[in-house]
Amino acid sequence: MALDDKLEQIIFDTGKSSDLSNLGVVLPINLEAFTRYYWQVSVWGDNGEEAVLGLNWFETGHRDAK
């Protein structure tokens, strides 16, 4: 996950791991309010092939203090 669309300002990278689930991963980071985050997913097959999903982004909104 990065703060820019060139993926130069990386704030978190799971790296290549067989422990990750295709159903989702809980990230150990705190997202900031009103911020755009960019992400990209790569997957590897057992035979060494790699597929890379195109660049995606999402934005956070206002967060209530609790």
N, C-alpha and C. Protein backbone atom coordinates (compact mmCIF):
# COMPACT_ATOMS: atom_id res chain seq x y z
N MET A 1 0.85 -1.15 0.00
CA MET A 1 0.00 0.00 0.00
C MET A 1 0.90 1.23 0.00
N ALA A 2 0.49 2.24 -0.77
CA ALA A 2 1.33 3.42 -0.93
C ALA A 2 0.49 4.69 -0.90
N LEU A 3 1.16 5.80 -0.72
CA LEU A 3 0.50 7.09 -0.71
C LEU A 3 0.53 7.78 -2.06
N ASP A 4 1.17 7.15 -3.06
CA ASP A 4 1.26 7.75 -4.39
C ASP A 4 1.03 6.69 -5.46
N ASP A 5 0.61 7.16 -6.63
CA ASP A 5 0.28 6.22 -7.72
C ASP A 5 1.50 5.62 -8.41
N LYS A 6 2.69 6.06 -8.07
CA LYS A 6 3.91 5.44 -8.61
C LYS A 6 4.43 4.35 -7.67
N LEU A 7 3.74 4.17 -6.54
CA LEU A 7 4.11 3.18 -5.52
C LEU A 7 5.53 3.40 -5.01
N GLU A 8 5.88 4.67 -4.85
CA GLU A 8 7.20 5.01 -4.30
C GLU A 8 7.14 5.30 -2.81
N GLN A 9 5.99 5.78 -2.33
CA GLN A 9 5.82 6.09 -0.91
C GLN A 9 5.08 4.93 -0.23
N ILE A 10 5.74 3.78 -0.18
CA ILE A 10 5.15 2.56 0.38
C ILE A 10 4.97 2.72 1.90
N ILE A 11 3.76 2.40 2.38
CA ILE A 11 3.54 2.43 3.83
C ILE A 11 3.37 1.02 4.39
N PHE A 12 3.09 0.04 3.51
CA PHE A 12 3.00 -1.34 3.96
C PHE A 12 3.12 -2.27 2.76
N ASP A 13 3.85 -3.37 2.97
CA ASP A 13 4.03 -4.38 1.92
C ASP A 13 4.02 -5.74 2.60
N THR A 14 3.08 -6.60 2.22
CA THR A 14 3.02 -7.93 2.82
C THR A 14 4.16 -8.81 2.35
N GLY A 15 4.74 -8.46 1.19
CA GLY A 15 5.78 -9.31 0.62
C GLY A 15 5.18 -10.59 0.08
N LYS A 16 6.00 -11.46 -0.38
CA LYS A 16 5.57 -12.75 -0.91
C LYS A 16 5.53 -13.75 0.24
N SER A 17 4.34 -14.30 0.49
CA SER A 17 4.18 -15.20 1.63
C SER A 17 3.10 -16.23 1.33
N SER A 18 3.32 -17.46 1.73
CA SER A 18 2.31 -18.50 1.55
C SER A 18 1.29 -18.48 2.70
N ASP A 19 1.49 -17.61 3.70
CA ASP A 19 0.58 -17.52 4.83
C ASP A 19 -0.61 -16.59 4.57
N LEU A 20 -0.59 -15.85 3.47
CA LEU A 20 -1.66 -14.90 3.18
C LEU A 20 -2.88 -15.62 2.65
N SER A 21 -4.06 -15.10 2.96
CA SER A 21 -5.33 -15.69 2.52
C SER A 21 -5.88 -14.94 1.32
N ASN A 22 -6.51 -15.66 0.41
CA ASN A 22 -7.16 -15.00 -0.72
C ASN A 22 -8.48 -14.36 -0.31
N LEU A 23 -8.90 -14.58 0.94
CA LEU A 23 -10.15 -13.98 1.44
C LEU A 23 -9.92 -12.63 2.09
N GLY A 24 -8.69 -12.28 2.36
CA GLY A 24 -8.39 -10.98 2.94
C GLY A 24 -7.25 -11.06 3.93
N VAL A 25 -6.67 -9.92 4.19
CA VAL A 25 -5.55 -9.82 5.12
C VAL A 25 -5.77 -8.59 6.00
N VAL A 26 -5.65 -8.76 7.29
CA VAL A 26 -5.74 -7.62 8.21
C VAL A 26 -4.37 -6.95 8.23
N LEU A 27 -4.36 -5.67 7.91
CA LEU A 27 -3.10 -4.94 7.86
C LEU A 27 -2.82 -4.27 9.20
N PRO A 28 -1.61 -4.37 9.69
CA PRO A 28 -1.26 -3.78 10.98
C PRO A 28 -0.88 -2.29 10.85
N ILE A 29 -1.77 -1.52 10.24
CA ILE A 29 -1.52 -0.09 10.07
C ILE A 29 -2.77 0.69 10.45
N ASN A 30 -2.61 1.95 10.76
CA ASN A 30 -3.74 2.85 11.03
C ASN A 30 -3.91 3.76 9.82
N LEU A 31 -5.10 3.75 9.24
CA LEU A 31 -5.37 4.60 8.09
C LEU A 31 -5.72 6.00 8.56
N GLU A 32 -5.25 7.00 7.83
CA GLU A 32 -5.52 8.39 8.15
C GLU A 32 -6.82 8.83 7.49
N ALA A 33 -7.52 9.77 8.11
CA ALA A 33 -8.75 10.31 7.54
C ALA A 33 -8.44 11.13 6.29
N PHE A 34 -9.38 11.14 5.37
CA PHE A 34 -9.29 11.94 4.14
C PHE A 34 -7.97 11.71 3.38
N THR A 35 -7.63 10.46 3.18
CA THR A 35 -6.38 10.11 2.52
C THR A 35 -6.64 9.09 1.41
N ARG A 36 -5.97 9.25 0.28
CA ARG A 36 -6.07 8.28 -0.81
C ARG A 36 -4.90 7.30 -0.67
N TYR A 37 -5.22 6.02 -0.74
CA TYR A 37 -4.23 4.95 -0.66
C TYR A 37 -4.27 4.14 -1.96
N TYR A 38 -3.10 3.78 -2.44
CA TYR A 38 -2.97 2.99 -3.67
C TYR A 38 -2.48 1.59 -3.31
N TRP A 39 -2.97 0.59 -4.03
CA TRP A 39 -2.55 -0.78 -3.76
C TRP A 39 -2.52 -1.59 -5.05
N GLN A 40 -1.71 -2.63 -5.00
CA GLN A 40 -1.56 -3.53 -6.14
C GLN A 40 -1.32 -4.93 -5.59
N VAL A 41 -1.87 -5.92 -6.26
CA VAL A 41 -1.75 -7.30 -5.80
C VAL A 41 -1.00 -8.13 -6.83
N SER A 42 -0.06 -8.93 -6.34
CA SER A 42 0.64 -9.92 -7.17
C SER A 42 0.36 -11.29 -6.59
N VAL A 43 0.13 -12.26 -7.46
CA VAL A 43 -0.07 -13.64 -7.01
C VAL A 43 0.87 -14.55 -7.78
N TRP A 44 1.32 -15.60 -7.11
CA TRP A 44 2.25 -16.55 -7.71
C TRP A 44 1.64 -17.94 -7.69
N GLY A 45 1.77 -18.65 -8.80
CA GLY A 45 1.32 -20.02 -8.88
C GLY A 45 2.39 -20.98 -8.40
N ASP A 46 2.00 -22.23 -8.16
CA ASP A 46 2.95 -23.24 -7.71
C ASP A 46 4.04 -23.51 -8.74
N ASN A 47 3.74 -23.21 -10.01
CA ASN A 47 4.72 -23.45 -11.07
C ASN A 47 5.62 -22.23 -11.33
N GLY A 48 5.50 -21.18 -10.48
CA GLY A 48 6.35 -20.01 -10.61
C GLY A 48 5.78 -18.87 -11.43
N GLU A 49 4.63 -19.09 -12.06
CA GLU A 49 4.01 -18.01 -12.83
C GLU A 49 3.52 -16.91 -11.89
N GLU A 50 3.55 -15.68 -12.39
CA GLU A 50 3.12 -14.53 -11.59
C GLU A 50 2.07 -13.74 -12.35
N ALA A 51 1.06 -13.26 -11.64
CA ALA A 51 0.05 -12.37 -12.21
C ALA A 51 -0.01 -11.13 -11.33
N VAL A 52 -0.09 -9.97 -11.97
CA VAL A 52 -0.14 -8.71 -11.23
C VAL A 52 -1.45 -7.99 -11.59
N LEU A 53 -2.23 -7.68 -10.56
CA LEU A 53 -3.46 -6.92 -10.73
C LEU A 53 -3.10 -5.46 -10.93
N GLY A 54 -3.84 -4.76 -11.77
CA GLY A 54 -3.55 -3.35 -12.02
C GLY A 54 -3.67 -2.50 -10.77
N LEU A 55 -3.16 -1.31 -10.84
CA LEU A 55 -3.16 -0.38 -9.72
C LEU A 55 -4.58 0.00 -9.34
N ASN A 56 -4.87 0.01 -8.05
CA ASN A 56 -6.17 0.38 -7.52
C ASN A 56 -5.98 1.40 -6.41
N TRP A 57 -7.06 2.07 -6.00
CA TRP A 57 -6.98 3.02 -4.91
C TRP A 57 -8.30 3.07 -4.17
N PHE A 58 -8.22 3.59 -2.96
CA PHE A 58 -9.42 3.90 -2.19
C PHE A 58 -9.12 5.13 -1.34
N GLU A 59 -10.19 5.81 -0.91
CA GLU A 59 -10.02 6.98 -0.07
C GLU A 59 -10.77 6.79 1.24
N THR A 60 -10.16 7.25 2.29
CA THR A 60 -10.83 7.21 3.59
C THR A 60 -11.60 8.51 3.77
N GLY A 61 -12.62 8.46 4.57
CA GLY A 61 -13.42 9.65 4.86
C GLY A 61 -13.13 10.15 6.26
N HIS A 62 -14.08 10.87 6.80
CA HIS A 62 -13.95 11.41 8.15
C HIS A 62 -14.03 10.28 9.16
N ARG A 63 -13.22 10.35 10.19
CA ARG A 63 -13.25 9.34 11.26
C ARG A 63 -13.68 10.01 12.56
N ASP A 64 -14.69 9.45 13.20
CA ASP A 64 -15.13 9.95 14.49
C ASP A 64 -14.19 9.51 15.59
N ALA A 65 -13.86 10.39 16.49
CA ALA A 65 -13.04 10.03 17.64
C ALA A 65 -13.91 9.28 18.63
N LYS A 66 -13.44 8.15 19.10
CA LYS A 66 -14.23 7.35 20.06
C LYS A 66 -13.40 7.04 21.26
